[in-house]
Amino acid sequence: QVLLVESGGGLVRTGGSLKLSCAATDRAFSNYLMGWFRQAPGKEREFVAAINWSGERPYYGDFVKGRFTISRDTAKNTVYLQMNDLNPDDTAAYYCAANSAYPEVAGTYDYWGQGTQVTVSS
């Protein structure tokens, strides 16, 4: 079973940056599409970004608009989300997910991490 552990969340001011990491405990990770989602209080889980097994095909939610970059390091079993130009609307719990044929659909992923909180102050 693939276990996912997110890190890198925190408190940042508007315009700041954060880099989230998601470490997988199983080598099977290297074969999976990986995704990032976020969920703010009272809102549905929202697709942020995903990346295919080779790292050559990224996907992004419409709201990203060039501010976020997803990448992966297969040797380290880790996927990253670099977030720049953050604003208060980005405040949410961010979740890493693994293994899906439909990158933007949360319900299709097989594995989820516990989440890491990102808070952006104005």
PDB file of N, CA and C in Angstrom:
ATOM      1  N   GLN A   1       0.844  -1.185   0.000  1.00  0.00           N
ATOM      2  CA  GLN A   1       0.000   0.000   0.000  1.00  0.00           C
ATOM      3  C   GLN A   1       0.875   1.229   0.000  1.00  0.00           C
ATOM      4  N   VAL A   2       0.491   2.186  -0.832  1.00  0.00           N
ATOM      5  CA  VAL A   2       1.240   3.433  -0.919  1.00  0.00           C
ATOM      6  C   VAL A   2       0.768   4.384   0.161  1.00  0.00           C
ATOM      7  N   LEU A   3       1.691   4.841   0.979  1.00  0.00           N
ATOM      8  CA  LEU A   3       1.382   5.863   1.965  1.00  0.00           C
ATOM      9  C   LEU A   3       2.020   7.165   1.533  1.00  0.00           C
ATOM     10  N   LEU A   4       1.279   8.244   1.680  1.00  0.00           N
ATOM     11  CA  LEU A   4       1.733   9.549   1.232  1.00  0.00           C
ATOM     12  C   LEU A   4       1.822  10.499   2.417  1.00  0.00           C
ATOM     13  N   VAL A   5       2.932  11.209   2.522  1.00  0.00           N
ATOM     14  CA  VAL A   5       3.148  12.132   3.627  1.00  0.00           C
ATOM     15  C   VAL A   5       3.477  13.501   3.065  1.00  0.00           C
ATOM     16  N   GLU A   6       2.586  14.468   3.303  1.00  0.00           N
ATOM     17  CA  GLU A   6       2.801  15.835   2.826  1.00  0.00           C
ATOM     18  C   GLU A   6       3.565  16.651   3.864  1.00  0.00           C
ATOM     19  N   SER A   7       4.281  17.638   3.385  1.00  0.00           N
ATOM     20  CA  SER A   7       4.968  18.587   4.256  1.00  0.00           C
ATOM     21  C   SER A   7       5.155  19.890   3.497  1.00  0.00           C
ATOM     22  N   GLY A   8       5.540  20.935   4.234  1.00  0.00           N
ATOM     23  CA  GLY A   8       5.866  22.199   3.595  1.00  0.00           C
ATOM     24  C   GLY A   8       4.818  23.280   3.742  1.00  0.00           C
ATOM     25  N   GLY A   9       3.675  22.935   4.321  1.00  0.00           N
ATOM     26  CA  GLY A   9       2.661  23.956   4.518  1.00  0.00           C
ATOM     27  C   GLY A   9       3.071  24.939   5.601  1.00  0.00           C
ATOM     28  N   GLY A  10       2.298  26.013   5.744  1.00  0.00           N
ATOM     29  CA  GLY A  10       2.601  27.005   6.758  1.00  0.00           C
ATOM     30  C   GLY A  10       1.857  28.287   6.514  1.00  0.00           C
ATOM     31  N   LEU A  11       2.299  29.315   7.215  1.00  0.00           N
ATOM     32  CA  LEU A  11       1.702  30.646   7.114  1.00  0.00           C
ATOM     33  C   LEU A  11       2.602  31.541   6.275  1.00  0.00           C
ATOM     34  N   VAL A  12       2.012  32.206   5.301  1.00  0.00           N
ATOM     35  CA  VAL A  12       2.781  33.082   4.422  1.00  0.00           C
ATOM     36  C   VAL A  12       1.943  34.313   4.104  1.00  0.00           C
ATOM     37  N   ARG A  13       2.600  35.406   3.812  1.00  0.00           N
ATOM     38  CA  ARG A  13       1.885  36.619   3.460  1.00  0.00           C
ATOM     39  C   ARG A  13       1.522  36.633   1.979  1.00  0.00           C
ATOM     40  N   THR A  14       0.546  37.445   1.632  1.00  0.00           N
ATOM     41  CA  THR A  14       0.154  37.611   0.236  1.00  0.00           C
ATOM     42  C   THR A  14       1.376  37.945  -0.625  1.00  0.00           C
ATOM     43  N   GLY A  15       1.471  37.256  -1.736  1.00  0.00           N
ATOM     44  CA  GLY A  15       2.612  37.437  -2.622  1.00  0.00           C
ATOM     45  C   GLY A  15       3.769  36.504  -2.344  1.00  0.00           C
ATOM     46  N   GLY A  16       3.704  35.786  -1.233  1.00  0.00           N
ATOM     47  CA  GLY A  16       4.784  34.887  -0.857  1.00  0.00           C
ATOM     48  C   GLY A  16       4.721  33.549  -1.575  1.00  0.00           C
ATOM     49  N   SER A  17       5.664  32.672  -1.220  1.00  0.00           N
ATOM     50  CA  SER A  17       5.795  31.373  -1.867  1.00  0.00           C
ATOM     51  C   SER A  17       5.923  30.265  -0.828  1.00  0.00           C
ATOM     52  N   LEU A  18       5.503  29.092  -1.222  1.00  0.00           N
ATOM     53  CA  LEU A  18       5.695  27.882  -0.437  1.00  0.00           C
ATOM     54  C   LEU A  18       5.958  26.732  -1.396  1.00  0.00           C
ATOM     55  N   LYS A  19       6.700  25.745  -0.923  1.00  0.00           N
ATOM     56  CA  LYS A  19       6.915  24.531  -1.709  1.00  0.00           C
ATOM     57  C   LYS A  19       6.459  23.335  -0.884  1.00  0.00           C
ATOM     58  N   LEU A  20       5.439  22.675  -1.381  1.00  0.00           N
ATOM     59  CA  LEU A  20       4.916  21.488  -0.719  1.00  0.00           C
ATOM     60  C   LEU A  20       5.627  20.246  -1.256  1.00  0.00           C
ATOM     61  N   SER A  21       5.787  19.278  -0.380  1.00  0.00           N
ATOM     62  CA  SER A  21       6.377  18.000  -0.761  1.00  0.00           C
ATOM     63  C   SER A  21       5.426  16.874  -0.374  1.00  0.00           C
ATOM     64  N   CYS A  22       5.463  15.819  -1.156  1.00  0.00           N
ATOM     65  CA  CYS A  22       4.674  14.632  -0.859  1.00  0.00           C
ATOM     66  C   CYS A  22       5.581  13.425  -1.062  1.00  0.00           C
ATOM     67  N   ALA A  23       5.924  12.770   0.033  1.00  0.00           N
ATOM     68  CA  ALA A  23       6.807  11.614  -0.020  1.00  0.00           C
ATOM     69  C   ALA A  23       5.986  10.329   0.016  1.00  0.00           C
ATOM     70  N   ALA A  24       6.272   9.447  -0.908  1.00  0.00           N
ATOM     71  CA  ALA A  24       5.582   8.161  -0.960  1.00  0.00           C
ATOM     72  C   ALA A  24       6.463   7.078  -0.358  1.00  0.00           C
ATOM     73  N   THR A  25       5.838   6.141   0.319  1.00  0.00           N
ATOM     74  CA  THR A  25       6.602   5.114   1.033  1.00  0.00           C
ATOM     75  C   THR A  25       6.806   3.849   0.206  1.00  0.00           C
ATOM     76  N   ASP A  26       6.240   3.814  -0.977  1.00  0.00           N
ATOM     77  CA  ASP A  26       6.284   2.604  -1.786  1.00  0.00           C
ATOM     78  C   ASP A  26       6.857   2.919  -3.157  1.00  0.00           C
ATOM     79  N   ARG A  27       7.708   2.042  -3.644  1.00  0.00           N
ATOM     80  CA  ARG A  27       8.303   2.255  -4.956  1.00  0.00           C
ATOM     81  C   ARG A  27       7.270   2.231  -6.070  1.00  0.00           C
ATOM     82  N   ALA A  28       6.104   1.694  -5.787  1.00  0.00           N
ATOM     83  CA  ALA A  28       5.038   1.674  -6.802  1.00  0.00           C
ATOM     84  C   ALA A  28       4.661   3.076  -7.234  1.00  0.00           C
ATOM     85  N   PHE A  29       4.985   4.021  -6.372  1.00  0.00           N
ATOM     86  CA  PHE A  29       4.731   5.426  -6.673  1.00  0.00           C
ATOM     87  C   PHE A  29       5.252   5.820  -8.042  1.00  0.00           C
ATOM     88  N   SER A  30       6.367   5.268  -8.469  1.00  0.00           N
ATOM     89  CA  SER A  30       7.002   5.674  -9.716  1.00  0.00           C
ATOM     90  C   SER A  30       6.123   5.381 -10.934  1.00  0.00           C
ATOM     91  N   ASN A  31       5.133   4.537 -10.778  1.00  0.00           N
ATOM     92  CA  ASN A  31       4.252   4.185 -11.881  1.00  0.00           C
ATOM     93  C   ASN A  31       2.939   4.963 -11.883  1.00  0.00           C
ATOM     94  N   TYR A  32       2.736   5.784 -10.866  1.00  0.00           N
ATOM     95  CA  TYR A  32       1.435   6.418 -10.680  1.00  0.00           C
ATOM     96  C   TYR A  32       1.407   7.868 -11.138  1.00  0.00           C
ATOM     97  N   LEU A  33       0.273   8.271 -11.678  1.00  0.00           N
ATOM     98  CA  LEU A  33      -0.004   9.695 -11.792  1.00  0.00           C
ATOM     99  C   LEU A  33      -0.209  10.238 -10.379  1.00  0.00           C
ATOM    100  N   MET A  34       0.326  11.413 -10.114  1.00  0.00           N
ATOM    101  CA  MET A  34       0.228  12.024  -8.786  1.00  0.00           C
ATOM    102  C   MET A  34      -0.509  13.349  -8.898  1.00  0.00           C
ATOM    103  N   GLY A  35      -1.307  13.652  -7.887  1.00  0.00           N
ATOM    104  CA  GLY A  35      -2.066  14.889  -7.927  1.00  0.00           C
ATOM    105  C   GLY A  35      -2.032  15.654  -6.619  1.00  0.00           C
ATOM    106  N   TRP A  36      -2.341  16.937  -6.728  1.00  0.00           N
ATOM    107  CA  TRP A  36      -2.540  17.798  -5.555  1.00  0.00           C
ATOM    108  C   TRP A  36      -3.956  18.365  -5.613  1.00  0.00           C
ATOM    109  N   PHE A  37      -4.619  18.334  -4.481  1.00  0.00           N
ATOM    110  CA  PHE A  37      -5.938  18.924  -4.321  1.00  0.00           C
ATOM    111  C   PHE A  37      -5.910  19.821  -3.100  1.00  0.00           C
ATOM    112  N   ARG A  38      -6.909  20.676  -3.006  1.00  0.00           N
ATOM    113  CA  ARG A  38      -7.014  21.498  -1.811  1.00  0.00           C
ATOM    114  C   ARG A  38      -8.472  21.601  -1.390  1.00  0.00           C
ATOM    115  N   GLN A  39      -8.643  21.873  -0.108  1.00  0.00           N
ATOM    116  CA  GLN A  39     -10.006  22.005   0.423  1.00  0.00           C
ATOM    117  C   GLN A  39     -10.019  23.064   1.501  1.00  0.00           C
ATOM    118  N   ALA A  40     -10.816  24.084   1.277  1.00  0.00           N
ATOM    119  CA  ALA A  40     -11.013  25.141   2.263  1.00  0.00           C
ATOM    120  C   ALA A  40     -12.257  24.805   3.078  1.00  0.00           C
ATOM    121  N   PRO A  41     -12.355  25.339   4.281  1.00  0.00           N
ATOM    122  CA  PRO A  41     -13.528  25.054   5.125  1.00  0.00           C
ATOM    123  C   PRO A  41     -14.829  25.395   4.413  1.00  0.00           C
ATOM    124  N   GLY A  42     -15.767  24.477   4.429  1.00  0.00           N
ATOM    125  CA  GLY A  42     -17.070  24.702   3.822  1.00  0.00           C
ATOM    126  C   GLY A  42     -17.104  24.579   2.314  1.00  0.00           C
ATOM    127  N   LYS A  43     -15.980  24.211   1.707  1.00  0.00           N
ATOM    128  CA  LYS A  43     -15.921  24.097   0.249  1.00  0.00           C
ATOM    129  C   LYS A  43     -15.570  22.673  -0.162  1.00  0.00           C
ATOM    130  N   GLU A  44     -15.860  22.359  -1.412  1.00  0.00           N
ATOM    131  CA  GLU A  44     -15.516  21.046  -1.936  1.00  0.00           C
ATOM    132  C   GLU A  44     -14.019  20.959  -2.235  1.00  0.00           C
ATOM    133  N   ARG A  45     -13.546  19.726  -2.284  1.00  0.00           N
ATOM    134  CA  ARG A  45     -12.144  19.512  -2.640  1.00  0.00           C
ATOM    135  C   ARG A  45     -11.927  19.934  -4.095  1.00  0.00           C
ATOM    136  N   GLU A  46     -10.846  20.661  -4.315  1.00  0.00           N
ATOM    137  CA  GLU A  46     -10.591  21.309  -5.602  1.00  0.00           C
ATOM    138  C   GLU A  46      -9.282  20.813  -6.208  1.00  0.00           C
ATOM    139  N   PHE A  47      -9.307  20.512  -7.484  1.00  0.00           N
ATOM    140  CA  PHE A  47      -8.108  20.072  -8.184  1.00  0.00           C
ATOM    141  C   PHE A  47      -7.111  21.225  -8.313  1.00  0.00           C
ATOM    142  N   VAL A  48      -5.866  20.954  -7.989  1.00  0.00           N
ATOM    143  CA  VAL A  48      -4.801  21.955  -8.091  1.00  0.00           C
ATOM    144  C   VAL A  48      -3.856  21.617  -9.246  1.00  0.00           C
ATOM    145  N   ALA A  49      -3.290  20.428  -9.203  1.00  0.00           N
ATOM    146  CA  ALA A  49      -2.319  20.040 -10.225  1.00  0.00           C
ATOM    147  C   ALA A  49      -2.117  18.530 -10.191  1.00  0.00           C
ATOM    148  N   ALA A  50      -1.608  17.989 -11.290  1.00  0.00           N
ATOM    149  CA  ALA A  50      -1.255  16.579 -11.351  1.00  0.00           C
ATOM    150  C   ALA A  50      -0.097  16.412 -12.316  1.00  0.00           C
ATOM    151  N   ILE A  51       0.566  15.271 -12.204  1.00  0.00           N
ATOM    152  CA  ILE A  51       1.689  15.005 -13.087  1.00  0.00           C
ATOM    153  C   ILE A  51       1.735  13.522 -13.402  1.00  0.00           C
ATOM    154  N   ASN A  52       2.039  13.185 -14.635  1.00  0.00           N
ATOM    155  CA  ASN A  52       2.007  11.777 -15.023  1.00  0.00           C
ATOM    156  C   ASN A  52       3.242  11.051 -14.495  1.00  0.00           C
ATOM    157  N   TRP A  53       3.302   9.752 -14.749  1.00  0.00           N
ATOM    158  CA  TRP A  53       4.333   8.927 -14.140  1.00  0.00           C
ATOM    159  C   TRP A  53       5.736   9.353 -14.549  1.00  0.00           C
ATOM    160  N   SER A  54       5.901   9.857 -15.779  1.00  0.00           N
ATOM    161  CA  SER A  54       7.237  10.219 -16.252  1.00  0.00           C
ATOM    162  C   SER A  54       7.636  11.631 -15.857  1.00  0.00           C
ATOM    163  N   GLY A  55       6.672  12.411 -15.410  1.00  0.00           N
ATOM    164  CA  GLY A  55       6.968  13.799 -15.078  1.00  0.00           C
ATOM    165  C   GLY A  55       6.919  14.738 -16.264  1.00  0.00           C
ATOM    166  N   GLU A  56       6.553  14.217 -17.418  1.00  0.00           N
ATOM    167  CA  GLU A  56       6.585  15.026 -18.637  1.00  0.00           C
ATOM    168  C   GLU A  56       5.259  15.700 -18.941  1.00  0.00           C
ATOM    169  N   ARG A  57       4.199  15.296 -18.240  1.00  0.00           N
ATOM    170  CA  ARG A  57       2.883  15.833 -18.567  1.00  0.00           C
ATOM    171  C   ARG A  57       2.235  16.381 -17.311  1.00  0.00           C
ATOM    172  N   PRO A  58       2.315  17.685 -17.107  1.00  0.00           N
ATOM    173  CA  PRO A  58       1.619  18.280 -15.969  1.00  0.00           C
ATOM    174  C   PRO A  58       0.199  18.710 -16.332  1.00  0.00           C
ATOM    175  N   TYR A  59      -0.640  18.768 -15.325  1.00  0.00           N
ATOM    176  CA  TYR A  59      -2.001  19.270 -15.458  1.00  0.00           C
ATOM    177  C   TYR A  59      -2.210  20.307 -14.359  1.00  0.00           C
ATOM    178  N   TYR A  60      -2.994  21.345 -14.655  1.00  0.00           N
ATOM    179  CA  TYR A  60      -3.229  22.388 -13.670  1.00  0.00           C
ATOM    180  C   TYR A  60      -4.693  22.805 -13.641  1.00  0.00           C
ATOM    181  N   GLY A  61      -5.146  23.162 -12.442  1.00  0.00           N
ATOM    182  CA  GLY A  61      -6.461  23.738 -12.315  1.00  0.00           C
ATOM    183  C   GLY A  61      -6.498  25.122 -12.947  1.00  0.00           C
ATOM    184  N   ASP A  62      -7.680  25.531 -13.364  1.00  0.00           N
ATOM    185  CA  ASP A  62      -7.805  26.808 -14.075  1.00  0.00           C
ATOM    186  C   ASP A  62      -7.342  27.996 -13.237  1.00  0.00           C
ATOM    187  N   PHE A  63      -7.522  27.908 -11.937  1.00  0.00           N
ATOM    188  CA  PHE A  63      -7.205  29.055 -11.082  1.00  0.00           C
ATOM    189  C   PHE A  63      -5.689  29.258 -10.912  1.00  0.00           C
ATOM    190  N   VAL A  64      -4.899  28.241 -11.269  1.00  0.00           N
ATOM    191  CA  VAL A  64      -3.452  28.317 -11.034  1.00  0.00           C
ATOM    192  C   VAL A  64      -2.816  29.454 -11.826  1.00  0.00           C
ATOM    193  N   LYS A  65      -3.152  29.539 -13.092  1.00  0.00           N
ATOM    194  CA  LYS A  65      -2.720  30.665 -13.946  1.00  0.00           C
ATOM    195  C   LYS A  65      -1.224  30.929 -13.881  1.00  0.00           C
ATOM    196  N   GLY A  66      -0.437  29.873 -13.959  1.00  0.00           N
ATOM    197  CA  GLY A  66       1.003  30.019 -14.029  1.00  0.00           C
ATOM    198  C   GLY A  66       1.698  30.248 -12.699  1.00  0.00           C
ATOM    199  N   ARG A  67       0.964  30.268 -11.601  1.00  0.00           N
ATOM    200  CA  ARG A  67       1.585  30.549 -10.307  1.00  0.00           C
ATOM    201  C   ARG A  67       2.190  29.311  -9.659  1.00  0.00           C
ATOM    202  N   PHE A  68       1.687  28.130  -9.973  1.00  0.00           N
ATOM    203  CA  PHE A  68       2.136  26.885  -9.332  1.00  0.00           C
ATOM    204  C   PHE A  68       2.847  26.006 -10.348  1.00  0.00           C
ATOM    205  N   THR A  69       3.790  25.214  -9.848  1.00  0.00           N
ATOM    206  CA  THR A  69       4.492  24.252 -10.690  1.00  0.00           C
ATOM    207  C   THR A  69       4.564  22.916  -9.970  1.00  0.00           C
ATOM    208  N   ILE A  70       4.128  21.872 -10.634  1.00  0.00           N
ATOM    209  CA  ILE A  70       4.224  20.532 -10.077  1.00  0.00           C
ATOM    210  C   ILE A  70       5.412  19.818 -10.706  1.00  0.00           C
ATOM    211  N   SER A  71       6.117  19.042  -9.893  1.00  0.00           N
ATOM    212  CA  SER A  71       7.250  18.279 -10.400  1.00  0.00           C
ATOM    213  C   SER A  71       7.385  17.008  -9.555  1.00  0.00           C
ATOM    214  N   ARG A  72       8.218  16.099 -10.025  1.00  0.00           N
ATOM    215  CA  ARG A  72       8.430  14.880  -9.250  1.00  0.00           C
ATOM    216  C   ARG A  72       9.867  14.425  -9.377  1.00  0.00           C
ATOM    217  N   ASP A  73      10.348  13.767  -8.342  1.00  0.00           N
ATOM    218  CA  ASP A  73      11.676  13.182  -8.314  1.00  0.00           C
ATOM    219  C   ASP A  73      11.478  11.707  -7.999  1.00  0.00           C
ATOM    220  N   THR A  74      11.522  10.887  -9.027  1.00  0.00           N
ATOM    221  CA  THR A  74      11.253   9.464  -8.851  1.00  0.00           C
ATOM    222  C   THR A  74      12.286   8.805  -7.951  1.00  0.00           C
ATOM    223  N   ALA A  75      13.521   9.233  -8.045  1.00  0.00           N
ATOM    224  CA  ALA A  75      14.574   8.645  -7.213  1.00  0.00           C
ATOM    225  C   ALA A  75      14.305   8.865  -5.731  1.00  0.00           C
ATOM    226  N   LYS A  76      13.645   9.953  -5.406  1.00  0.00           N
ATOM    227  CA  LYS A  76      13.320  10.271  -4.006  1.00  0.00           C
ATOM    228  C   LYS A  76      11.881   9.909  -3.657  1.00  0.00           C
ATOM    229  N   ASN A  77      11.149   9.349  -4.600  1.00  0.00           N
ATOM    230  CA  ASN A  77       9.746   9.006  -4.363  1.00  0.00           C
ATOM    231  C   ASN A  77       8.945  10.203  -3.878  1.00  0.00           C
ATOM    232  N   THR A  78       9.187  11.353  -4.466  1.00  0.00           N
ATOM    233  CA  THR A  78       8.589  12.583  -3.966  1.00  0.00           C
ATOM    234  C   THR A  78       8.023  13.424  -5.116  1.00  0.00           C
ATOM    235  N   VAL A  79       6.873  14.025  -4.853  1.00  0.00           N
ATOM    236  CA  VAL A  79       6.290  14.990  -5.778  1.00  0.00           C
ATOM    237  C   VAL A  79       6.213  16.334  -5.072  1.00  0.00           C
ATOM    238  N   TYR A  80       6.402  17.395  -5.818  1.00  0.00           N
ATOM    239  CA  TYR A  80       6.472  18.740  -5.252  1.00  0.00           C
ATOM    240  C   TYR A  80       5.413  19.646  -5.863  1.00  0.00           C
ATOM    241  N   LEU A  81       5.029  20.660  -5.108  1.00  0.00           N
ATOM    242  CA  LEU A  81       4.174  21.711  -5.631  1.00  0.00           C
ATOM    243  C   LEU A  81       4.773  23.044  -5.200  1.00  0.00           C
ATOM    244  N   GLN A  82       5.387  23.720  -6.152  1.00  0.00           N
ATOM    245  CA  GLN A  82       5.920  25.055  -5.902  1.00  0.00           C
ATOM    246  C   GLN A  82       4.807  26.056  -6.123  1.00  0.00           C
ATOM    247  N   MET A  83       4.514  26.856  -5.105  1.00  0.00           N
ATOM    248  CA  MET A  83       3.418  27.814  -5.182  1.00  0.00           C
ATOM    249  C   MET A  83       3.974  29.221  -5.008  1.00  0.00           C
ATOM    250  N   ASN A  84       3.758  30.053  -5.992  1.00  0.00           N
ATOM    251  CA  ASN A  84       4.232  31.434  -5.971  1.00  0.00           C
ATOM    252  C   ASN A  84       3.058  32.399  -6.035  1.00  0.00           C
ATOM    253  N   ASP A  85       3.320  33.631  -5.655  1.00  0.00           N
ATOM    254  CA  ASP A  85       2.310  34.695  -5.731  1.00  0.00           C
ATOM    255  C   ASP A  85       1.013  34.271  -5.031  1.00  0.00           C
ATOM    256  N   LEU A  86       1.159  33.777  -3.832  1.00  0.00           N
ATOM    257  CA  LEU A  86      -0.002  33.285  -3.090  1.00  0.00           C
ATOM    258  C   LEU A  86      -0.888  34.437  -2.632  1.00  0.00           C
ATOM    259  N   ASN A  87      -2.167  34.144  -2.518  1.00  0.00           N
ATOM    260  CA  ASN A  87      -3.132  35.129  -2.019  1.00  0.00           C
ATOM    261  C   ASN A  87      -4.075  34.435  -1.035  1.00  0.00           C
ATOM    262  N   PRO A  88      -4.865  35.187  -0.291  1.00  0.00           N
ATOM    263  CA  PRO A  88      -5.719  34.582   0.737  1.00  0.00           C
ATOM    264  C   PRO A  88      -6.677  33.522   0.194  1.00  0.00           C
ATOM    265  N   ASP A  89      -7.055  33.607  -1.069  1.00  0.00           N
ATOM    266  CA  ASP A  89      -7.943  32.595  -1.648  1.00  0.00           C
ATOM    267  C   ASP A  89      -7.261  31.235  -1.758  1.00  0.00           C
ATOM    268  N   ASP A  90      -5.949  31.193  -1.630  1.00  0.00           N
ATOM    269  CA  ASP A  90      -5.213  29.934  -1.681  1.00  0.00           C
ATOM    270  C   ASP A  90      -5.185  29.229  -0.329  1.00  0.00           C
ATOM    271  N   THR A  91      -5.714  29.858   0.688  1.00  0.00           N
ATOM    272  CA  THR A  91      -5.745  29.252   2.016  1.00  0.00           C
ATOM    273  C   THR A  91      -6.617  28.004   2.008  1.00  0.00           C
ATOM    274  N   ALA A  92      -6.031  26.876   2.407  1.00  0.00           N
ATOM    275  CA  ALA A  92      -6.736  25.591   2.383  1.00  0.00           C
ATOM    276  C   ALA A  92      -5.822  24.511   2.930  1.00  0.00           C
ATOM    277  N   ALA A  93      -6.406  23.345   3.169  1.00  0.00           N
ATOM    278  CA  ALA A  93      -5.603  22.157   3.406  1.00  0.00           C
ATOM    279  C   ALA A  93      -5.273  21.559   2.045  1.00  0.00           C
ATOM    280  N   TYR A  94      -4.019  21.257   1.829  1.00  0.00           N
ATOM    281  CA  TYR A  94      -3.553  20.717   0.551  1.00  0.00           C
ATOM    282  C   TYR A  94      -3.248  19.233   0.714  1.00  0.00           C
ATOM    283  N   TYR A  95      -3.795  18.449  -0.208  1.00  0.00           N
ATOM    284  CA  TYR A  95      -3.680  17.000  -0.136  1.00  0.00           C
ATOM    285  C   TYR A  95      -2.970  16.447  -1.359  1.00  0.00           C
ATOM    286  N   CYS A  96      -2.123  15.484  -1.122  1.00  0.00           N
ATOM    287  CA  CYS A  96      -1.464  14.737  -2.181  1.00  0.00           C
ATOM    288  C   CYS A  96      -2.262  13.462  -2.432  1.00  0.00           C
ATOM    289  N   ALA A  97      -2.326  13.043  -3.691  1.00  0.00           N
ATOM    290  CA  ALA A  97      -3.066  11.844  -4.044  1.00  0.00           C
ATOM    291  C   ALA A  97      -2.311  11.082  -5.121  1.00  0.00           C
ATOM    292  N   ALA A  98      -2.555   9.773  -5.178  1.00  0.00           N
ATOM    293  CA  ALA A  98      -1.822   8.934  -6.119  1.00  0.00           C
ATOM    294  C   ALA A  98      -2.742   7.978  -6.863  1.00  0.00           C
ATOM    295  N   ASN A  99      -2.379   7.733  -8.112  1.00  0.00           N
ATOM    296  CA  ASN A  99      -2.975   6.705  -8.954  1.00  0.00           C
ATOM    297  C   ASN A  99      -4.389   6.990  -9.406  1.00  0.00           C
ATOM    298  N   SER A 100      -4.483   7.614 -10.554  1.00  0.00           N
ATOM    299  CA  SER A 100      -5.783   7.903 -11.153  1.00  0.00           C
ATOM    300  C   SER A 100      -5.632   7.959 -12.666  1.00  0.00           C
ATOM    301  N   ALA A 101      -6.721   7.626 -13.345  1.00  0.00           N
ATOM    302  CA  ALA A 101      -6.748   7.771 -14.802  1.00  0.00           C
ATOM    303  C   ALA A 101      -7.381   9.102 -15.210  1.00  0.00           C
ATOM    304  N   TYR A 102      -7.907   9.816 -14.232  1.00  0.00           N
ATOM    305  CA  TYR A 102      -8.590  11.085 -14.490  1.00  0.00           C
ATOM    306  C   TYR A 102      -8.022  12.136 -13.545  1.00  0.00           C
ATOM    307  N   PRO A 103      -6.989  12.836 -13.958  1.00  0.00           N
ATOM    308  CA  PRO A 103      -6.216  13.692 -13.053  1.00  0.00           C
ATOM    309  C   PRO A 103      -7.033  14.708 -12.268  1.00  0.00           C
ATOM    310  N   GLU A 104      -8.110  15.235 -12.849  1.00  0.00           N
ATOM    311  CA  GLU A 104      -8.822  16.325 -12.203  1.00  0.00           C
ATOM    312  C   GLU A 104      -9.964  15.867 -11.304  1.00  0.00           C
ATOM    313  N   VAL A 105     -10.188  14.566 -11.230  1.00  0.00           N
ATOM    314  CA  VAL A 105     -11.330  14.048 -10.489  1.00  0.00           C
ATOM    315  C   VAL A 105     -10.872  13.393  -9.190  1.00  0.00           C
ATOM    316  N   ALA A 106     -11.174  14.041  -8.075  1.00  0.00           N
ATOM    317  CA  ALA A 106     -10.686  13.572  -6.781  1.00  0.00           C
ATOM    318  C   ALA A 106     -11.141  12.147  -6.473  1.00  0.00           C
ATOM    319  N   GLY A 107     -12.360  11.827  -6.807  1.00  0.00           N
ATOM    320  CA  GLY A 107     -12.914  10.524  -6.468  1.00  0.00           C
ATOM    321  C   GLY A 107     -12.272   9.348  -7.171  1.00  0.00           C
ATOM    322  N   THR A 108     -11.408   9.605  -8.139  1.00  0.00           N
ATOM    323  CA  THR A 108     -10.789   8.522  -8.900  1.00  0.00           C
ATOM    324  C   THR A 108      -9.408   8.132  -8.391  1.00  0.00           C
ATOM    325  N   TYR A 109      -8.912   8.828  -7.393  1.00  0.00           N
ATOM    326  CA  TYR A 109      -7.585   8.513  -6.848  1.00  0.00           C
ATOM    327  C   TYR A 109      -7.667   7.402  -5.806  1.00  0.00           C
ATOM    328  N   ASP A 110      -6.655   6.556  -5.801  1.00  0.00           N
ATOM    329  CA  ASP A 110      -6.652   5.406  -4.896  1.00  0.00           C
ATOM    330  C   ASP A 110      -6.053   5.705  -3.525  1.00  0.00           C
ATOM    331  N   TYR A 111      -5.135   6.640  -3.466  1.00  0.00           N
ATOM    332  CA  TYR A 111      -4.411   6.885  -2.218  1.00  0.00           C
ATOM    333  C   TYR A 111      -4.367   8.389  -1.931  1.00  0.00           C
ATOM    334  N   TRP A 112      -4.432   8.707  -0.632  1.00  0.00           N
ATOM    335  CA  TRP A 112      -4.424  10.103  -0.195  1.00  0.00           C
ATOM    336  C   TRP A 112      -3.504  10.285   1.000  1.00  0.00           C
ATOM    337  N   GLY A 113      -2.896  11.459   1.052  1.00  0.00           N
ATOM    338  CA  GLY A 113      -2.143  11.828   2.238  1.00  0.00           C
ATOM    339  C   GLY A 113      -3.057  12.477   3.266  1.00  0.00           C
ATOM    340  N   GLN A 114      -2.459  12.874   4.387  1.00  0.00           N
ATOM    341  CA  GLN A 114      -3.236  13.419   5.490  1.00  0.00           C
ATOM    342  C   GLN A 114      -3.475  14.929   5.339  1.00  0.00           C
ATOM    343  N   GLY A 115      -2.758  15.559   4.438  1.00  0.00           N
ATOM    344  CA  GLY A 115      -2.932  16.982   4.187  1.00  0.00           C
ATOM    345  C   GLY A 115      -1.950  17.852   4.934  1.00  0.00           C
ATOM    346  N   THR A 116      -1.691  19.012   4.382  1.00  0.00           N
ATOM    347  CA  THR A 116      -0.857  20.020   5.031  1.00  0.00           C
ATOM    348  C   THR A 116      -1.539  21.371   4.850  1.00  0.00           C
ATOM    349  N   GLN A 117      -1.568  22.155   5.916  1.00  0.00           N
ATOM    350  CA  GLN A 117      -2.313  23.409   5.899  1.00  0.00           C
ATOM    351  C   GLN A 117      -1.477  24.538   5.314  1.00  0.00           C
ATOM    352  N   VAL A 118      -2.099  25.289   4.411  1.00  0.00           N
ATOM    353  CA  VAL A 118      -1.499  26.503   3.857  1.00  0.00           C
ATOM    354  C   VAL A 118      -2.409  27.664   4.224  1.00  0.00           C
ATOM    355  N   THR A 119      -1.828  28.659   4.871  1.00  0.00           N
ATOM    356  CA  THR A 119      -2.590  29.843   5.260  1.00  0.00           C
ATOM    357  C   THR A 119      -1.882  31.077   4.709  1.00  0.00           C
ATOM    358  N   VAL A 120      -2.632  31.878   3.960  1.00  0.00           N
ATOM    359  CA  VAL A 120      -2.075  33.081   3.356  1.00  0.00           C
ATOM    360  C   VAL A 120      -2.753  34.290   3.985  1.00  0.00           C
ATOM    361  N   SER A 121      -1.975  35.128   4.613  1.00  0.00           N
ATOM    362  CA  SER A 121      -2.514  36.316   5.266  1.00  0.00           C
ATOM    363  C   SER A 121      -2.463  37.508   4.318  1.00  0.00           C
ATOM    364  N   SER A 122      -3.408  38.410   4.505  1.00  0.00           N
ATOM    365  CA  SER A 122      -3.478  39.601   3.636  1.00  0.00           C
ATOM    366  C   SER A 122      -2.623  40.727   4.175  1.00  0.00           C
TER     367      SER A 122
END
